[in-house]
Amino acid sequence: MILKTYVLIPKISIIAFVQKTKMRKIGIIFTAFFVVLCILVFRPVPISPEHKSNKITGTVSYIFEGGVKDVVIRLKETNQWFYINRGLEAGLEIQKLKDELIGTEVTIIYPKYWTPLDPKNSNKHLTELRLNGNVVYSELR
């Protein structure tokens, strides 16, 4: 009888150890996933040089203020919104931009960038805005 009890204790300990190990693996995997997700979400938008950025030309259809003093621009040719982060703080004026840009063809340069907060890439950070070859706004160095 003592022998049976002695034999059962190691089996229970092994099962408990395996269960704890599985929980630890699940915990480690969840933590790693959470850390990667946080890095993707909270990383800053890169300001890449023009030759490493995307470029689109189109006719401006809408301009308005969005977010925290952001200037938001939409082109007729695309379903994407382009925003100038804190554009109003940088000295841009919504009404002046509307008067100059609505109905005209502009060139927009924006970085190649993806975030889980916008999985369809419908909102783009605008790094340079050109009208007739003249720079209206630029973050490029």
N, C-alpha and C. Protein backbone atom coordinates (compact mmCIF):
# COMPACT_ATOMS: atom_id res chain seq x y z
N MET A 1 0.81 -1.19 0.00
CA MET A 1 0.00 0.00 0.00
C MET A 1 0.86 1.26 0.00
N ILE A 2 1.90 1.24 0.76
CA ILE A 2 2.80 2.39 0.76
C ILE A 2 3.44 2.52 -0.62
N LEU A 3 3.72 1.41 -1.24
CA LEU A 3 4.33 1.41 -2.56
C LEU A 3 3.43 2.07 -3.60
N LYS A 4 2.11 1.79 -3.56
CA LYS A 4 1.18 2.42 -4.50
C LYS A 4 1.16 3.93 -4.33
N THR A 5 1.11 4.40 -3.12
CA THR A 5 1.10 5.84 -2.87
C THR A 5 2.38 6.47 -3.39
N TYR A 6 3.48 5.78 -3.17
CA TYR A 6 4.76 6.29 -3.65
C TYR A 6 4.79 6.37 -5.17
N VAL A 7 4.19 5.42 -5.84
CA VAL A 7 4.18 5.40 -7.29
C VAL A 7 3.25 6.47 -7.85
N LEU A 8 2.13 6.75 -7.22
CA LEU A 8 1.16 7.73 -7.71
C LEU A 8 1.67 9.17 -7.56
N ILE A 9 2.41 9.45 -6.54
CA ILE A 9 2.87 10.82 -6.31
C ILE A 9 3.74 11.33 -7.46
N PRO A 10 4.69 10.57 -7.97
CA PRO A 10 5.45 11.08 -9.10
C PRO A 10 4.59 11.29 -10.35
N LYS A 11 3.59 10.44 -10.61
CA LYS A 11 2.73 10.63 -11.77
C LYS A 11 1.95 11.93 -11.66
N ILE A 12 1.43 12.21 -10.49
CA ILE A 12 0.68 13.46 -10.29
C ILE A 12 1.63 14.65 -10.44
N SER A 13 2.81 14.55 -9.92
CA SER A 13 3.78 15.64 -10.04
C SER A 13 4.15 15.89 -11.49
N ILE A 14 4.31 14.84 -12.27
CA ILE A 14 4.66 15.00 -13.69
C ILE A 14 3.51 15.67 -14.43
N ILE A 15 2.27 15.25 -14.16
CA ILE A 15 1.10 15.87 -14.80
C ILE A 15 1.00 17.35 -14.43
N ALA A 16 1.19 17.65 -13.15
CA ALA A 16 1.14 19.04 -12.71
C ALA A 16 2.25 19.85 -13.36
N PHE A 17 3.44 19.26 -13.48
CA PHE A 17 4.56 19.96 -14.12
C PHE A 17 4.26 20.25 -15.60
N VAL A 18 3.69 19.26 -16.30
CA VAL A 18 3.36 19.44 -17.71
C VAL A 18 2.30 20.53 -17.87
N GLN A 19 1.29 20.53 -17.01
CA GLN A 19 0.25 21.55 -17.09
C GLN A 19 0.83 22.94 -16.82
N LYS A 20 1.71 23.05 -15.84
CA LYS A 20 2.35 24.34 -15.55
C LYS A 20 3.21 24.79 -16.72
N THR A 21 3.91 23.86 -17.34
CA THR A 21 4.76 24.19 -18.49
C THR A 21 3.92 24.69 -19.66
N LYS A 22 2.78 24.06 -19.93
CA LYS A 22 1.89 24.51 -21.00
C LYS A 22 1.37 25.91 -20.71
N MET A 23 1.01 26.17 -19.47
CA MET A 23 0.52 27.50 -19.10
C MET A 23 1.62 28.55 -19.26
N ARG A 24 2.83 28.17 -18.90
CA ARG A 24 3.95 29.10 -19.07
C ARG A 24 4.18 29.41 -20.54
N LYS A 25 4.12 28.39 -21.40
CA LYS A 25 4.30 28.61 -22.84
C LYS A 25 3.21 29.52 -23.39
N ILE A 26 1.97 29.26 -22.97
CA ILE A 26 0.87 30.12 -23.42
C ILE A 26 1.08 31.55 -22.93
N GLY A 27 1.51 31.70 -21.70
CA GLY A 27 1.79 33.03 -21.15
C GLY A 27 2.91 33.74 -21.89
N ILE A 28 3.96 33.02 -22.22
CA ILE A 28 5.09 33.60 -22.96
C ILE A 28 4.65 34.00 -24.37
N ILE A 29 3.88 33.14 -25.03
CA ILE A 29 3.40 33.46 -26.38
C ILE A 29 2.49 34.67 -26.35
N PHE A 30 1.57 34.74 -25.39
CA PHE A 30 0.66 35.89 -25.27
C PHE A 30 1.45 37.17 -25.00
N THR A 31 2.41 37.11 -24.10
CA THR A 31 3.23 38.29 -23.78
C THR A 31 4.02 38.76 -25.00
N ALA A 32 4.62 37.82 -25.73
CA ALA A 32 5.38 38.18 -26.93
C ALA A 32 4.47 38.81 -27.98
N PHE A 33 3.28 38.25 -28.19
CA PHE A 33 2.32 38.82 -29.13
C PHE A 33 1.93 40.23 -28.72
N PHE A 34 1.67 40.44 -27.43
CA PHE A 34 1.29 41.76 -26.93
C PHE A 34 2.41 42.78 -27.12
N VAL A 35 3.64 42.38 -26.86
CA VAL A 35 4.78 43.29 -27.03
C VAL A 35 4.94 43.69 -28.50
N VAL A 36 4.83 42.72 -29.41
CA VAL A 36 4.95 43.01 -30.85
C VAL A 36 3.81 43.94 -31.29
N LEU A 37 2.60 43.68 -30.82
CA LEU A 37 1.46 44.53 -31.16
C LEU A 37 1.68 45.96 -30.66
N CYS A 38 2.18 46.11 -29.44
CA CYS A 38 2.45 47.45 -28.90
C CYS A 38 3.51 48.17 -29.72
N ILE A 39 4.53 47.45 -30.14
CA ILE A 39 5.58 48.07 -30.95
C ILE A 39 5.00 48.55 -32.28
N LEU A 40 4.16 47.74 -32.91
CA LEU A 40 3.55 48.13 -34.19
C LEU A 40 2.60 49.31 -34.03
N VAL A 41 1.85 49.35 -32.94
CA VAL A 41 0.86 50.40 -32.75
C VAL A 41 1.51 51.73 -32.36
N PHE A 42 2.48 51.68 -31.47
CA PHE A 42 3.02 52.92 -30.91
C PHE A 42 4.30 53.42 -31.57
N ARG A 43 4.74 52.77 -32.63
CA ARG A 43 5.94 53.28 -33.31
C ARG A 43 5.58 54.56 -34.06
N PRO A 44 6.50 55.49 -34.14
CA PRO A 44 6.21 56.74 -34.84
C PRO A 44 6.17 56.53 -36.35
N VAL A 45 5.47 57.42 -37.02
CA VAL A 45 5.42 57.37 -38.48
C VAL A 45 6.80 57.76 -39.00
N PRO A 46 7.40 56.95 -39.85
CA PRO A 46 8.74 57.27 -40.34
C PRO A 46 8.70 58.43 -41.34
N ILE A 47 9.70 59.27 -41.28
CA ILE A 47 9.87 60.32 -42.27
C ILE A 47 11.00 59.84 -43.17
N SER A 48 10.62 59.20 -44.26
CA SER A 48 11.61 58.62 -45.16
C SER A 48 11.94 59.59 -46.29
N PRO A 49 13.11 59.46 -46.88
CA PRO A 49 13.48 60.32 -48.01
C PRO A 49 12.54 60.07 -49.19
N GLU A 50 12.49 61.04 -50.08
CA GLU A 50 11.55 60.98 -51.19
C GLU A 50 11.70 59.72 -52.04
N HIS A 51 12.91 59.28 -52.29
CA HIS A 51 13.10 58.11 -53.15
C HIS A 51 12.63 56.81 -52.50
N LYS A 52 12.39 56.82 -51.18
CA LYS A 52 11.87 55.64 -50.50
C LYS A 52 10.38 55.79 -50.14
N SER A 53 9.76 56.84 -50.62
CA SER A 53 8.36 57.12 -50.30
C SER A 53 7.47 56.85 -51.50
N ASN A 54 6.17 56.80 -51.24
CA ASN A 54 5.18 56.68 -52.31
C ASN A 54 4.77 58.08 -52.77
N LYS A 55 4.38 58.16 -54.03
CA LYS A 55 3.98 59.44 -54.61
C LYS A 55 2.65 59.23 -55.34
N ILE A 56 1.73 60.16 -55.17
CA ILE A 56 0.45 60.11 -55.86
C ILE A 56 0.09 61.51 -56.35
N THR A 57 -0.46 61.59 -57.54
CA THR A 57 -0.91 62.86 -58.09
C THR A 57 -2.41 62.76 -58.33
N GLY A 58 -3.13 63.80 -57.93
CA GLY A 58 -4.57 63.79 -58.11
C GLY A 58 -5.18 65.14 -57.83
N THR A 59 -6.50 65.23 -58.05
CA THR A 59 -7.24 66.47 -57.86
C THR A 59 -7.83 66.50 -56.45
N VAL A 60 -7.61 67.59 -55.74
CA VAL A 60 -8.09 67.73 -54.37
C VAL A 60 -9.60 67.93 -54.38
N SER A 61 -10.29 67.11 -53.57
CA SER A 61 -11.75 67.24 -53.49
C SER A 61 -12.21 67.77 -52.14
N TYR A 62 -11.52 67.42 -51.05
CA TYR A 62 -11.89 67.88 -49.72
C TYR A 62 -10.66 68.30 -48.95
N ILE A 63 -10.84 69.31 -48.11
CA ILE A 63 -9.82 69.71 -47.12
C ILE A 63 -10.58 70.11 -45.86
N PHE A 64 -10.18 69.56 -44.73
CA PHE A 64 -10.82 69.94 -43.48
C PHE A 64 -9.88 69.66 -42.32
N GLU A 65 -10.26 70.19 -41.13
CA GLU A 65 -9.47 69.93 -39.92
C GLU A 65 -9.96 68.64 -39.29
N GLY A 66 -9.02 67.78 -38.92
CA GLY A 66 -9.36 66.52 -38.27
C GLY A 66 -8.35 66.23 -37.19
N GLY A 67 -8.74 65.39 -36.24
CA GLY A 67 -7.81 65.04 -35.17
C GLY A 67 -7.45 66.25 -34.34
N VAL A 68 -6.21 66.30 -33.89
CA VAL A 68 -5.72 67.43 -33.09
C VAL A 68 -4.95 68.36 -34.00
N LYS A 69 -5.64 69.34 -34.54
CA LYS A 69 -5.05 70.37 -35.41
C LYS A 69 -4.37 69.77 -36.64
N ASP A 70 -4.93 68.64 -37.13
CA ASP A 70 -4.42 68.03 -38.35
C ASP A 70 -5.16 68.60 -39.55
N VAL A 71 -4.48 68.67 -40.68
CA VAL A 71 -5.11 69.05 -41.95
C VAL A 71 -5.32 67.76 -42.73
N VAL A 72 -6.56 67.51 -43.15
CA VAL A 72 -6.91 66.28 -43.85
C VAL A 72 -7.28 66.63 -45.29
N ILE A 73 -6.70 65.90 -46.23
CA ILE A 73 -6.90 66.14 -47.66
C ILE A 73 -7.37 64.84 -48.31
N ARG A 74 -8.33 64.97 -49.21
CA ARG A 74 -8.79 63.80 -49.98
C ARG A 74 -8.72 64.13 -51.46
N LEU A 75 -8.25 63.17 -52.23
CA LEU A 75 -8.17 63.31 -53.68
C LEU A 75 -9.34 62.59 -54.33
N LYS A 76 -9.79 63.10 -55.48
CA LYS A 76 -10.91 62.48 -56.20
C LYS A 76 -10.56 61.08 -56.68
N GLU A 77 -9.32 60.83 -57.01
CA GLU A 77 -8.89 59.59 -57.65
C GLU A 77 -8.69 58.41 -56.68
N THR A 78 -8.80 58.63 -55.40
CA THR A 78 -8.51 57.58 -54.43
C THR A 78 -9.48 57.64 -53.25
N ASN A 79 -9.58 56.54 -52.53
CA ASN A 79 -10.41 56.49 -51.32
C ASN A 79 -9.59 56.74 -50.06
N GLN A 80 -8.35 57.10 -50.22
CA GLN A 80 -7.47 57.34 -49.08
C GLN A 80 -7.57 58.80 -48.63
N TRP A 81 -7.36 58.98 -47.33
CA TRP A 81 -7.27 60.31 -46.74
C TRP A 81 -5.81 60.57 -46.42
N PHE A 82 -5.34 61.76 -46.70
CA PHE A 82 -3.96 62.15 -46.40
C PHE A 82 -4.01 63.25 -45.35
N TYR A 83 -3.22 63.09 -44.30
CA TYR A 83 -3.26 64.10 -43.24
C TYR A 83 -1.87 64.67 -42.97
N ILE A 84 -1.88 65.95 -42.64
CA ILE A 84 -0.67 66.64 -42.20
C ILE A 84 -0.78 66.74 -40.68
N ASN A 85 0.04 65.99 -39.99
CA ASN A 85 -0.02 65.94 -38.54
C ASN A 85 0.32 67.30 -37.94
N ARG A 86 -0.60 67.80 -37.14
CA ARG A 86 -0.43 69.12 -36.49
C ARG A 86 -0.16 70.23 -37.51
N GLY A 87 -0.79 70.12 -38.66
CA GLY A 87 -0.58 71.10 -39.74
C GLY A 87 -0.97 72.51 -39.37
N LEU A 88 -2.02 72.66 -38.56
CA LEU A 88 -2.44 74.00 -38.16
C LEU A 88 -1.43 74.64 -37.21
N GLU A 89 -0.76 73.81 -36.42
CA GLU A 89 0.30 74.33 -35.55
C GLU A 89 1.53 74.72 -36.36
N ALA A 90 1.69 74.13 -37.54
CA ALA A 90 2.84 74.44 -38.40
C ALA A 90 2.61 75.70 -39.24
N GLY A 91 1.46 76.34 -39.05
CA GLY A 91 1.20 77.60 -39.75
C GLY A 91 0.27 77.49 -40.95
N LEU A 92 -0.22 76.32 -41.26
CA LEU A 92 -1.17 76.16 -42.37
C LEU A 92 -2.55 76.64 -41.93
N GLU A 93 -3.31 77.17 -42.89
CA GLU A 93 -4.67 77.65 -42.61
C GLU A 93 -5.64 76.91 -43.51
N ILE A 94 -6.70 76.38 -42.92
CA ILE A 94 -7.66 75.57 -43.66
C ILE A 94 -8.29 76.36 -44.81
N GLN A 95 -8.78 77.54 -44.54
CA GLN A 95 -9.47 78.31 -45.59
C GLN A 95 -8.52 78.68 -46.73
N LYS A 96 -7.31 79.04 -46.39
CA LYS A 96 -6.33 79.37 -47.43
C LYS A 96 -6.01 78.14 -48.29
N LEU A 97 -5.86 76.98 -47.65
CA LEU A 97 -5.60 75.74 -48.39
C LEU A 97 -6.78 75.38 -49.28
N LYS A 98 -8.01 75.56 -48.77
CA LYS A 98 -9.20 75.29 -49.59
C LYS A 98 -9.22 76.18 -50.82
N ASP A 99 -8.96 77.47 -50.63
CA ASP A 99 -8.98 78.41 -51.75
C ASP A 99 -7.92 78.07 -52.79
N GLU A 100 -6.75 77.64 -52.35
CA GLU A 100 -5.64 77.33 -53.26
C GLU A 100 -5.74 75.97 -53.92
N LEU A 101 -6.21 74.95 -53.18
CA LEU A 101 -6.02 73.58 -53.62
C LEU A 101 -7.26 72.86 -54.15
N ILE A 102 -8.45 73.17 -53.67
CA ILE A 102 -9.62 72.41 -54.10
C ILE A 102 -9.84 72.59 -55.60
N GLY A 103 -9.94 71.46 -56.27
CA GLY A 103 -10.14 71.45 -57.72
C GLY A 103 -8.85 71.50 -58.52
N THR A 104 -7.71 71.59 -57.85
CA THR A 104 -6.43 71.63 -58.57
C THR A 104 -5.70 70.31 -58.40
N GLU A 105 -4.77 70.05 -59.30
CA GLU A 105 -3.99 68.82 -59.25
C GLU A 105 -2.75 69.05 -58.38
N VAL A 106 -2.56 68.15 -57.42
CA VAL A 106 -1.42 68.24 -56.51
C VAL A 106 -0.67 66.91 -56.52
N THR A 107 0.56 66.96 -56.03
CA THR A 107 1.35 65.75 -55.84
C THR A 107 1.58 65.58 -54.34
N ILE A 108 1.28 64.38 -53.87
CA ILE A 108 1.44 64.07 -52.45
C ILE A 108 2.48 62.98 -52.31
N ILE A 109 3.40 63.19 -51.38
CA ILE A 109 4.42 62.19 -51.06
C ILE A 109 4.15 61.71 -49.64
N TYR A 110 4.12 60.39 -49.47
CA TYR A 110 3.83 59.81 -48.16
C TYR A 110 4.69 58.56 -47.96
N PRO A 111 5.05 58.27 -46.69
CA PRO A 111 5.93 57.12 -46.44
C PRO A 111 5.21 55.79 -46.60
N LYS A 112 6.00 54.75 -46.92
CA LYS A 112 5.49 53.39 -46.93
C LYS A 112 5.40 52.96 -45.47
N TYR A 113 4.18 52.78 -44.99
CA TYR A 113 3.98 52.56 -43.57
C TYR A 113 2.68 51.82 -43.35
N TRP A 114 2.67 50.87 -42.41
CA TRP A 114 1.46 50.14 -42.05
C TRP A 114 1.34 50.08 -40.54
N THR A 115 0.10 50.17 -40.06
CA THR A 115 -0.17 50.05 -38.63
C THR A 115 -1.43 49.23 -38.42
N PRO A 116 -1.50 48.46 -37.35
CA PRO A 116 -2.72 47.69 -37.08
C PRO A 116 -3.93 48.58 -36.78
N LEU A 117 -3.69 49.83 -36.44
CA LEU A 117 -4.81 50.74 -36.20
C LEU A 117 -5.53 51.13 -37.49
N ASP A 118 -4.86 50.96 -38.62
CA ASP A 118 -5.44 51.26 -39.93
C ASP A 118 -5.05 50.13 -40.90
N PRO A 119 -5.63 48.95 -40.74
CA PRO A 119 -5.19 47.80 -41.53
C PRO A 119 -5.42 47.94 -43.04
N LYS A 120 -6.39 48.75 -43.45
CA LYS A 120 -6.67 48.92 -44.88
C LYS A 120 -5.87 50.06 -45.50
N ASN A 121 -5.03 50.73 -44.71
CA ASN A 121 -4.22 51.86 -45.18
C ASN A 121 -5.07 52.95 -45.82
N SER A 122 -6.16 53.32 -45.18
CA SER A 122 -7.01 54.36 -45.74
C SER A 122 -6.61 55.76 -45.29
N ASN A 123 -5.79 55.86 -44.24
CA ASN A 123 -5.30 57.15 -43.76
C ASN A 123 -3.78 57.18 -43.90
N LYS A 124 -3.29 58.16 -44.63
CA LYS A 124 -1.85 58.25 -44.90
C LYS A 124 -1.28 59.54 -44.32
N HIS A 125 -0.11 59.42 -43.74
CA HIS A 125 0.60 60.59 -43.22
C HIS A 125 1.31 61.28 -44.38
N LEU A 126 0.90 62.48 -44.68
CA LEU A 126 1.46 63.24 -45.80
C LEU A 126 2.79 63.87 -45.36
N THR A 127 3.85 63.63 -46.11
CA THR A 127 5.14 64.24 -45.75
C THR A 127 5.50 65.40 -46.66
N GLU A 128 4.91 65.44 -47.87
CA GLU A 128 5.16 66.59 -48.73
C GLU A 128 3.96 66.79 -49.66
N LEU A 129 3.59 68.05 -49.85
CA LEU A 129 2.49 68.43 -50.71
C LEU A 129 3.01 69.46 -51.71
N ARG A 130 2.80 69.15 -53.01
CA ARG A 130 3.28 70.04 -54.07
C ARG A 130 2.13 70.48 -54.97
N LEU A 131 2.18 71.73 -55.37
CA LEU A 131 1.22 72.30 -56.31
C LEU A 131 2.01 72.92 -57.45
N ASN A 132 1.82 72.40 -58.66
CA ASN A 132 2.55 72.88 -59.84
C ASN A 132 4.06 72.86 -59.64
N GLY A 133 4.57 71.85 -58.97
CA GLY A 133 6.01 71.73 -58.75
C GLY A 133 6.53 72.52 -57.57
N ASN A 134 5.69 73.40 -57.00
CA ASN A 134 6.10 74.20 -55.84
C ASN A 134 5.68 73.49 -54.56
N VAL A 135 6.54 73.49 -53.59
CA VAL A 135 6.26 72.82 -52.32
C VAL A 135 5.36 73.69 -51.47
N VAL A 136 4.18 73.16 -51.12
CA VAL A 136 3.24 73.86 -50.23
C VAL A 136 3.55 73.53 -48.78
N TYR A 137 3.89 72.25 -48.55
CA TYR A 137 4.23 71.78 -47.20
C TYR A 137 5.22 70.64 -47.33
N SER A 138 6.19 70.56 -46.42
CA SER A 138 7.15 69.46 -46.46
C SER A 138 7.71 69.16 -45.08
N GLU A 139 7.85 67.87 -44.81
CA GLU A 139 8.56 67.39 -43.62
C GLU A 139 9.87 66.72 -44.03
N LEU A 140 10.09 66.60 -45.32
CA LEU A 140 11.29 65.93 -45.82
C LEU A 140 12.52 66.75 -45.50
N ARG A 141 13.59 66.03 -45.24
CA ARG A 141 14.85 66.72 -44.90
C ARG A 141 15.77 66.75 -46.08
